[in-house]
Structures are given as C-alpha cells and as structure tokens.
Amino acid sequence: MILDLFAGPGGWSHALTVLGARDIGLEWDTWACKTRARAGQLTIQTDVARYPVWIFSGRVLGLIASPPCQAWSMAGKRL
C-alpha cells in the first residue's frame, strides 16, 4: 500500500490514480476528508501523530509525507 500522511484534499492521491495506483490518506481536516470522499479516495480521518503505526507495519510500499505549509503559503502568514 501507499500511505499519504497529511493527505489534504487529495492532490497526491489524484496523481497516483492517473498513474494507475491507489493510496490511503490520513487527514484530520473534515472538509479535506469530504473532498477526498467525493473524489473516491480512501481516507482515514485522524491526527497522524496519534494514529497507531503498527497497523501498517510491513505493508507500506510507498510513503508520501507532505506536511501542511500554511505558514509559508498565501493562505497563511507567508513567513
């Protein structure tokens, strides 16, 4: 499986689908999870810091870990 931490609304997931792969996204934001669900993307709504990692032990073939960039983006304080 490919695991996407901080999955957001699903940009990486969409790209993987175009390439013929699927992932499981972990995301805490309700609206991002709803967007992912409407796009048919597999999602676990959770805080990645609190989710038990042993569930994925030995099963992860790929990892995407793009932490949020609100502090640097136009949506944030642009630090």
PDB file of N, CA and C in Angstrom:
ATOM      1  N   MET A   1       0.834  -1.179   0.000  1.00  0.00           N
ATOM      2  CA  MET A   1       0.000   0.000   0.000  1.00  0.00           C
ATOM      3  C   MET A   1       0.881   1.245   0.000  1.00  0.00           C
ATOM      4  N   ILE A   2       0.336   2.318  -0.526  1.00  0.00           N
ATOM      5  CA  ILE A   2       0.987   3.622  -0.475  1.00  0.00           C
ATOM      6  C   ILE A   2       0.242   4.430   0.572  1.00  0.00           C
ATOM      7  N   LEU A   3       0.956   4.994   1.498  1.00  0.00           N
ATOM      8  CA  LEU A   3       0.375   5.746   2.602  1.00  0.00           C
ATOM      9  C   LEU A   3       0.680   7.227   2.413  1.00  0.00           C
ATOM     10  N   ASP A   4      -0.350   8.065   2.501  1.00  0.00           N
ATOM     11  CA  ASP A   4      -0.202   9.507   2.335  1.00  0.00           C
ATOM     12  C   ASP A   4      -0.544  10.192   3.652  1.00  0.00           C
ATOM     13  N   LEU A   5       0.491  10.641   4.360  1.00  0.00           N
ATOM     14  CA  LEU A   5       0.294  11.400   5.599  1.00  0.00           C
ATOM     15  C   LEU A   5      -0.023  12.842   5.229  1.00  0.00           C
ATOM     16  N   PHE A   6      -0.807  13.513   6.019  1.00  0.00           N
ATOM     17  CA  PHE A   6      -1.203  14.900   5.750  1.00  0.00           C
ATOM     18  C   PHE A   6      -1.826  14.981   4.354  1.00  0.00           C
ATOM     19  N   ALA A   7      -2.793  14.114   4.073  1.00  0.00           N
ATOM     20  CA  ALA A   7      -3.308  13.905   2.720  1.00  0.00           C
ATOM     21  C   ALA A   7      -4.022  15.110   2.106  1.00  0.00           C
ATOM     22  N   GLY A   8      -4.530  16.013   2.935  1.00  0.00           N
ATOM     23  CA  GLY A   8      -5.220  17.176   2.390  1.00  0.00           C
ATOM     24  C   GLY A   8      -6.391  16.775   1.503  1.00  0.00           C
ATOM     25  N   PRO A   9      -6.752  17.620   0.542  1.00  0.00           N
ATOM     26  CA  PRO A   9      -7.893  17.316  -0.318  1.00  0.00           C
ATOM     27  C   PRO A   9      -7.602  16.275  -1.395  1.00  0.00           C
ATOM     28  N   GLY A  10      -6.345  15.840  -1.539  1.00  0.00           N
ATOM     29  CA  GLY A  10      -6.084  14.700  -2.411  1.00  0.00           C
ATOM     30  C   GLY A  10      -5.281  14.926  -3.667  1.00  0.00           C
ATOM     31  N   GLY A  11      -4.435  15.918  -3.704  1.00  0.00           N
ATOM     32  CA  GLY A  11      -3.615  16.159  -4.892  1.00  0.00           C
ATOM     33  C   GLY A  11      -2.719  14.982  -5.237  1.00  0.00           C
ATOM     34  N   TRP A  12      -1.986  14.471  -4.255  1.00  0.00           N
ATOM     35  CA  TRP A  12      -1.123  13.313  -4.486  1.00  0.00           C
ATOM     36  C   TRP A  12      -1.964  12.102  -4.869  1.00  0.00           C
ATOM     37  N   SER A  13      -3.087  11.929  -4.220  1.00  0.00           N
ATOM     38  CA  SER A  13      -3.954  10.779  -4.495  1.00  0.00           C
ATOM     39  C   SER A  13      -4.476  10.815  -5.921  1.00  0.00           C
ATOM     40  N   HIS A  14      -4.838  11.987  -6.375  1.00  0.00           N
ATOM     41  CA  HIS A  14      -5.313  12.120  -7.755  1.00  0.00           C
ATOM     42  C   HIS A  14      -4.197  11.754  -8.737  1.00  0.00           C
ATOM     43  N   ALA A  15      -3.004  12.250  -8.488  1.00  0.00           N
ATOM     44  CA  ALA A  15      -1.869  11.935  -9.363  1.00  0.00           C
ATOM     45  C   ALA A  15      -1.605  10.434  -9.400  1.00  0.00           C
ATOM     46  N   LEU A  16      -1.670   9.782  -8.246  1.00  0.00           N
ATOM     47  CA  LEU A  16      -1.462   8.337  -8.206  1.00  0.00           C
ATOM     48  C   LEU A  16      -2.542   7.598  -9.003  1.00  0.00           C
ATOM     49  N   THR A  17      -3.778   8.070  -8.912  1.00  0.00           N
ATOM     50  CA  THR A  17      -4.866   7.453  -9.667  1.00  0.00           C
ATOM     51  C   THR A  17      -4.604   7.558 -11.170  1.00  0.00           C
ATOM     52  N   VAL A  18      -4.132   8.714 -11.614  1.00  0.00           N
ATOM     53  CA  VAL A  18      -3.797   8.901 -13.027  1.00  0.00           C
ATOM     54  C   VAL A  18      -2.708   7.916 -13.451  1.00  0.00           C
ATOM     55  N   LEU A  19      -1.794   7.611 -12.535  1.00  0.00           N
ATOM     56  CA  LEU A  19      -0.708   6.672 -12.821  1.00  0.00           C
ATOM     57  C   LEU A  19      -1.112   5.213 -12.622  1.00  0.00           C
ATOM     58  N   GLY A  20      -2.348   4.985 -12.197  1.00  0.00           N
ATOM     59  CA  GLY A  20      -2.839   3.622 -12.027  1.00  0.00           C
ATOM     60  C   GLY A  20      -2.580   3.023 -10.663  1.00  0.00           C
ATOM     61  N   ALA A  21      -2.299   3.856  -9.669  1.00  0.00           N
ATOM     62  CA  ALA A  21      -2.045   3.383  -8.300  1.00  0.00           C
ATOM     63  C   ALA A  21      -3.072   4.000  -7.358  1.00  0.00           C
ATOM     64  N   ARG A  22      -3.193   3.421  -6.175  1.00  0.00           N
ATOM     65  CA  ARG A  22      -4.087   3.953  -5.146  1.00  0.00           C
ATOM     66  C   ARG A  22      -3.305   4.116  -3.858  1.00  0.00           C
ATOM     67  N   ASP A  23      -3.764   5.009  -3.025  1.00  0.00           N
ATOM     68  CA  ASP A  23      -3.147   5.197  -1.719  1.00  0.00           C
ATOM     69  C   ASP A  23      -4.224   5.250  -0.655  1.00  0.00           C
ATOM     70  N   ILE A  24      -3.783   5.293   0.581  1.00  0.00           N
ATOM     71  CA  ILE A  24      -4.668   5.544   1.718  1.00  0.00           C
ATOM     72  C   ILE A  24      -4.184   6.840   2.343  1.00  0.00           C
ATOM     73  N   GLY A  25      -5.072   7.805   2.459  1.00  0.00           N
ATOM     74  CA  GLY A  25      -4.707   9.098   3.006  1.00  0.00           C
ATOM     75  C   GLY A  25      -5.107   9.241   4.458  1.00  0.00           C
ATOM     76  N   LEU A  26      -4.220   9.807   5.260  1.00  0.00           N
ATOM     77  CA  LEU A  26      -4.532  10.165   6.647  1.00  0.00           C
ATOM     78  C   LEU A  26      -4.648  11.677   6.704  1.00  0.00           C
ATOM     79  N   GLU A  27      -5.771  12.154   7.179  1.00  0.00           N
ATOM     80  CA  GLU A  27      -6.042  13.592   7.196  1.00  0.00           C
ATOM     81  C   GLU A  27      -6.978  13.913   8.351  1.00  0.00           C
ATOM     82  N   TRP A  28      -6.749  15.033   9.032  1.00  0.00           N
ATOM     83  CA  TRP A  28      -7.606  15.393  10.163  1.00  0.00           C
ATOM     84  C   TRP A  28      -8.700  16.382   9.789  1.00  0.00           C
ATOM     85  N   ASP A  29      -8.488  17.177   8.753  1.00  0.00           N
ATOM     86  CA  ASP A  29      -9.432  18.234   8.402  1.00  0.00           C
ATOM     87  C   ASP A  29     -10.710  17.647   7.785  1.00  0.00           C
ATOM     88  N   THR A  30     -11.847  17.984   8.369  1.00  0.00           N
ATOM     89  CA  THR A  30     -13.130  17.443   7.935  1.00  0.00           C
ATOM     90  C   THR A  30     -13.438  17.780   6.485  1.00  0.00           C
ATOM     91  N   TRP A  31     -13.217  19.032   6.079  1.00  0.00           N
ATOM     92  CA  TRP A  31     -13.542  19.437   4.708  1.00  0.00           C
ATOM     93  C   TRP A  31     -12.624  18.756   3.699  1.00  0.00           C
ATOM     94  N   ALA A  32     -11.368  18.591   4.043  1.00  0.00           N
ATOM     95  CA  ALA A  32     -10.453  17.869   3.146  1.00  0.00           C
ATOM     96  C   ALA A  32     -10.900  16.412   3.013  1.00  0.00           C
ATOM     97  N   CYS A  33     -11.333  15.816   4.112  1.00  0.00           N
ATOM     98  CA  CYS A  33     -11.818  14.429   4.076  1.00  0.00           C
ATOM     99  C   CYS A  33     -13.072  14.306   3.219  1.00  0.00           C
ATOM    100  N   LYS A  34     -13.956  15.293   3.310  1.00  0.00           N
ATOM    101  CA  LYS A  34     -15.168  15.272   2.489  1.00  0.00           C
ATOM    102  C   LYS A  34     -14.817  15.405   1.009  1.00  0.00           C
ATOM    103  N   THR A  35     -13.861  16.251   0.701  1.00  0.00           N
ATOM    104  CA  THR A  35     -13.411  16.409  -0.687  1.00  0.00           C
ATOM    105  C   THR A  35     -12.837  15.109  -1.206  1.00  0.00           C
ATOM    106  N   ARG A  36     -12.002  14.463  -0.394  1.00  0.00           N
ATOM    107  CA  ARG A  36     -11.408  13.182  -0.775  1.00  0.00           C
ATOM    108  C   ARG A  36     -12.489  12.125  -0.992  1.00  0.00           C
ATOM    109  N   ALA A  37     -13.484  12.100  -0.117  1.00  0.00           N
ATOM    110  CA  ALA A  37     -14.564  11.114  -0.240  1.00  0.00           C
ATOM    111  C   ALA A  37     -15.332  11.316  -1.545  1.00  0.00           C
ATOM    112  N   ARG A  38     -15.616  12.562  -1.893  1.00  0.00           N
ATOM    113  CA  ARG A  38     -16.334  12.851  -3.147  1.00  0.00           C
ATOM    114  C   ARG A  38     -15.525  12.426  -4.364  1.00  0.00           C
ATOM    115  N   ALA A  39     -14.195  12.439  -4.235  1.00  0.00           N
ATOM    116  CA  ALA A  39     -13.315  12.026  -5.333  1.00  0.00           C
ATOM    117  C   ALA A  39     -13.074  10.519  -5.323  1.00  0.00           C
ATOM    118  N   GLY A  40     -13.654   9.811  -4.351  1.00  0.00           N
ATOM    119  CA  GLY A  40     -13.498   8.364  -4.280  1.00  0.00           C
ATOM    120  C   GLY A  40     -12.157   7.911  -3.733  1.00  0.00           C
ATOM    121  N   GLN A  41     -11.505   8.782  -2.966  1.00  0.00           N
ATOM    122  CA  GLN A  41     -10.192   8.450  -2.414  1.00  0.00           C
ATOM    123  C   GLN A  41     -10.325   7.839  -1.027  1.00  0.00           C
ATOM    124  N   LEU A  42      -9.544   6.803  -0.765  1.00  0.00           N
ATOM    125  CA  LEU A  42      -9.562   6.140   0.537  1.00  0.00           C
ATOM    126  C   LEU A  42      -8.936   7.058   1.578  1.00  0.00           C
ATOM    127  N   THR A  43      -9.645   7.280   2.678  1.00  0.00           N
ATOM    128  CA  THR A  43      -9.189   8.241   3.677  1.00  0.00           C
ATOM    129  C   THR A  43      -9.513   7.758   5.083  1.00  0.00           C
ATOM    130  N   ILE A  44      -8.589   7.992   5.987  1.00  0.00           N
ATOM    131  CA  ILE A  44      -8.818   7.784   7.411  1.00  0.00           C
ATOM    132  C   ILE A  44      -8.736   9.158   8.057  1.00  0.00           C
ATOM    133  N   GLN A  45      -9.828   9.615   8.665  1.00  0.00           N
ATOM    134  CA  GLN A  45      -9.805  10.917   9.317  1.00  0.00           C
ATOM    135  C   GLN A  45      -9.190  10.758  10.691  1.00  0.00           C
ATOM    136  N   THR A  46      -7.994  11.313  10.844  1.00  0.00           N
ATOM    137  CA  THR A  46      -7.246  11.156  12.084  1.00  0.00           C
ATOM    138  C   THR A  46      -6.130  12.182  12.159  1.00  0.00           C
ATOM    139  N   ASP A  47      -5.579  12.344  13.339  1.00  0.00           N
ATOM    140  CA  ASP A  47      -4.358  13.110  13.545  1.00  0.00           C
ATOM    141  C   ASP A  47      -3.207  12.126  13.329  1.00  0.00           C
ATOM    142  N   VAL A  48      -2.347  12.378  12.362  1.00  0.00           N
ATOM    143  CA  VAL A  48      -1.282  11.418  12.052  1.00  0.00           C
ATOM    144  C   VAL A  48      -0.362  11.174  13.244  1.00  0.00           C
ATOM    145  N   ALA A  49      -0.257  12.135  14.149  1.00  0.00           N
ATOM    146  CA  ALA A  49       0.600  11.968  15.326  1.00  0.00           C
ATOM    147  C   ALA A  49       0.000  10.992  16.338  1.00  0.00           C
ATOM    148  N   ARG A  50      -1.297  10.734  16.235  1.00  0.00           N
ATOM    149  CA  ARG A  50      -1.961   9.869  17.212  1.00  0.00           C
ATOM    150  C   ARG A  50      -2.409   8.527  16.645  1.00  0.00           C
ATOM    151  N   TYR A  51      -2.281   8.348  15.345  1.00  0.00           N
ATOM    152  CA  TYR A  51      -2.756   7.113  14.727  1.00  0.00           C
ATOM    153  C   TYR A  51      -1.747   5.990  14.963  1.00  0.00           C
ATOM    154  N   PRO A  52      -2.207   4.803  15.335  1.00  0.00           N
ATOM    155  CA  PRO A  52      -1.276   3.700  15.624  1.00  0.00           C
ATOM    156  C   PRO A  52      -0.562   3.203  14.359  1.00  0.00           C
ATOM    157  N   VAL A  53       0.751   3.321  14.343  1.00  0.00           N
ATOM    158  CA  VAL A  53       1.525   2.952  13.153  1.00  0.00           C
ATOM    159  C   VAL A  53       1.673   1.445  12.974  1.00  0.00           C
ATOM    160  N   TRP A  54       1.507   0.666  14.025  1.00  0.00           N
ATOM    161  CA  TRP A  54       1.688  -0.777  13.909  1.00  0.00           C
ATOM    162  C   TRP A  54       0.719  -1.394  12.903  1.00  0.00           C
ATOM    163  N   ILE A  55      -0.400  -0.743  12.652  1.00  0.00           N
ATOM    164  CA  ILE A  55      -1.389  -1.243  11.691  1.00  0.00           C
ATOM    165  C   ILE A  55      -0.771  -1.385  10.299  1.00  0.00           C
ATOM    166  N   PHE A  56       0.160  -0.504   9.969  1.00  0.00           N
ATOM    167  CA  PHE A  56       0.764  -0.501   8.639  1.00  0.00           C
ATOM    168  C   PHE A  56       2.092  -1.262   8.576  1.00  0.00           C
ATOM    169  N   SER A  57       2.540  -1.777   9.683  1.00  0.00           N
ATOM    170  CA  SER A  57       3.846  -2.446   9.755  1.00  0.00           C
ATOM    171  C   SER A  57       3.980  -3.556   8.707  1.00  0.00           C
ATOM    172  N   GLY A  58       5.018  -3.439   7.889  1.00  0.00           N
ATOM    173  CA  GLY A  58       5.312  -4.437   6.876  1.00  0.00           C
ATOM    174  C   GLY A  58       4.425  -4.390   5.644  1.00  0.00           C
ATOM    175  N   ARG A  59       3.524  -3.418   5.563  1.00  0.00           N
ATOM    176  CA  ARG A  59       2.581  -3.347   4.440  1.00  0.00           C
ATOM    177  C   ARG A  59       2.760  -2.120   3.562  1.00  0.00           C
ATOM    178  N   VAL A  60       3.595  -1.183   3.977  1.00  0.00           N
ATOM    179  CA  VAL A  60       3.752   0.070   3.239  1.00  0.00           C
ATOM    180  C   VAL A  60       4.838  -0.079   2.179  1.00  0.00           C
ATOM    181  N   LEU A  61       4.443   0.130   0.931  1.00  0.00           N
ATOM    182  CA  LEU A  61       5.386   0.083  -0.181  1.00  0.00           C
ATOM    183  C   LEU A  61       5.838   1.475  -0.601  1.00  0.00           C
ATOM    184  N   GLY A  62       5.049   2.480  -0.244  1.00  0.00           N
ATOM    185  CA  GLY A  62       5.381   3.860  -0.577  1.00  0.00           C
ATOM    186  C   GLY A  62       4.839   4.794   0.485  1.00  0.00           C
ATOM    187  N   LEU A  63       5.528   5.901   0.697  1.00  0.00           N
ATOM    188  CA  LEU A  63       5.123   6.864   1.723  1.00  0.00           C
ATOM    189  C   LEU A  63       5.201   8.273   1.162  1.00  0.00           C
ATOM    190  N   ILE A  64       4.110   9.007   1.298  1.00  0.00           N
ATOM    191  CA  ILE A  64       4.068  10.424   0.942  1.00  0.00           C
ATOM    192  C   ILE A  64       3.844  11.170   2.250  1.00  0.00           C
ATOM    193  N   ALA A  65       4.716  12.092   2.557  1.00  0.00           N
ATOM    194  CA  ALA A  65       4.592  12.847   3.809  1.00  0.00           C
ATOM    195  C   ALA A  65       4.842  14.319   3.517  1.00  0.00           C
ATOM    196  N   SER A  66       3.806  15.000   3.071  1.00  0.00           N
ATOM    197  CA  SER A  66       3.883  16.423   2.751  1.00  0.00           C
ATOM    198  C   SER A  66       3.165  17.209   3.840  1.00  0.00           C
ATOM    199  N   PRO A  67       3.896  17.610   4.876  1.00  0.00           N
ATOM    200  CA  PRO A  67       3.225  18.325   5.964  1.00  0.00           C
ATOM    201  C   PRO A  67       2.634  19.648   5.472  1.00  0.00           C
ATOM    202  N   PRO A  68       1.628  20.131   6.168  1.00  0.00           N
ATOM    203  CA  PRO A  68       0.965  21.372   5.762  1.00  0.00           C
ATOM    204  C   PRO A  68       1.941  22.541   5.665  1.00  0.00           C
ATOM    205  N   CYS A  69       1.667  23.426   4.721  1.00  0.00           N
ATOM    206  CA  CYS A  69       2.568  24.570   4.526  1.00  0.00           C
ATOM    207  C   CYS A  69       1.847  25.898   4.721  1.00  0.00           C
ATOM    208  N   GLN A  70       0.807  25.920   5.543  1.00  0.00           N
ATOM    209  CA  GLN A  70       0.037  27.143   5.721  1.00  0.00           C
ATOM    210  C   GLN A  70       0.893  28.331   6.163  1.00  0.00           C
ATOM    211  N   ALA A  71       1.907  28.066   6.966  1.00  0.00           N
ATOM    212  CA  ALA A  71       2.735  29.181   7.442  1.00  0.00           C
ATOM    213  C   ALA A  71       3.487  29.856   6.297  1.00  0.00           C
ATOM    214  N   TRP A  72       3.731  29.137   5.219  1.00  0.00           N
ATOM    215  CA  TRP A  72       4.503  29.698   4.101  1.00  0.00           C
ATOM    216  C   TRP A  72       3.644  30.036   2.896  1.00  0.00           C
ATOM    217  N   SER A  73       2.427  29.529   2.840  1.00  0.00           N
ATOM    218  CA  SER A  73       1.598  29.705   1.660  1.00  0.00           C
ATOM    219  C   SER A  73       0.827  31.028   1.703  1.00  0.00           C
ATOM    220  N   MET A  74       0.158  31.324   0.600  1.00  0.00           N
ATOM    221  CA  MET A  74      -0.680  32.520   0.526  1.00  0.00           C
ATOM    222  C   MET A  74      -1.833  32.441   1.528  1.00  0.00           C
ATOM    223  N   ALA A  75      -2.214  31.211   1.943  1.00  0.00           N
ATOM    224  CA  ALA A  75      -3.299  31.044   2.912  1.00  0.00           C
ATOM    225  C   ALA A  75      -2.845  31.367   4.334  1.00  0.00           C
ATOM    226  N   GLY A  76      -1.547  31.399   4.557  1.00  0.00           N
ATOM    227  CA  GLY A  76      -1.021  31.614   5.891  1.00  0.00           C
ATOM    228  C   GLY A  76      -0.351  32.967   6.058  1.00  0.00           C
ATOM    229  N   LYS A  77       0.638  33.010   6.924  1.00  0.00           N
ATOM    230  CA  LYS A  77       1.322  34.256   7.253  1.00  0.00           C
ATOM    231  C   LYS A  77       2.484  34.567   6.318  1.00  0.00           C
ATOM    232  N   ARG A  78       2.780  33.668   5.363  1.00  0.00           N
ATOM    233  CA  ARG A  78       3.849  33.844   4.384  1.00  0.00           C
ATOM    234  C   ARG A  78       5.193  34.137   5.060  1.00  0.00           C
ATOM    235  N   LEU A  79       5.540  33.334   6.084  1.00  0.00           N
ATOM    236  CA  LEU A  79       6.790  33.528   6.834  1.00  0.00           C
ATOM    237  C   LEU A  79       8.001  33.157   6.016  1.00  0.00           C
TER     238      LEU A  79
END
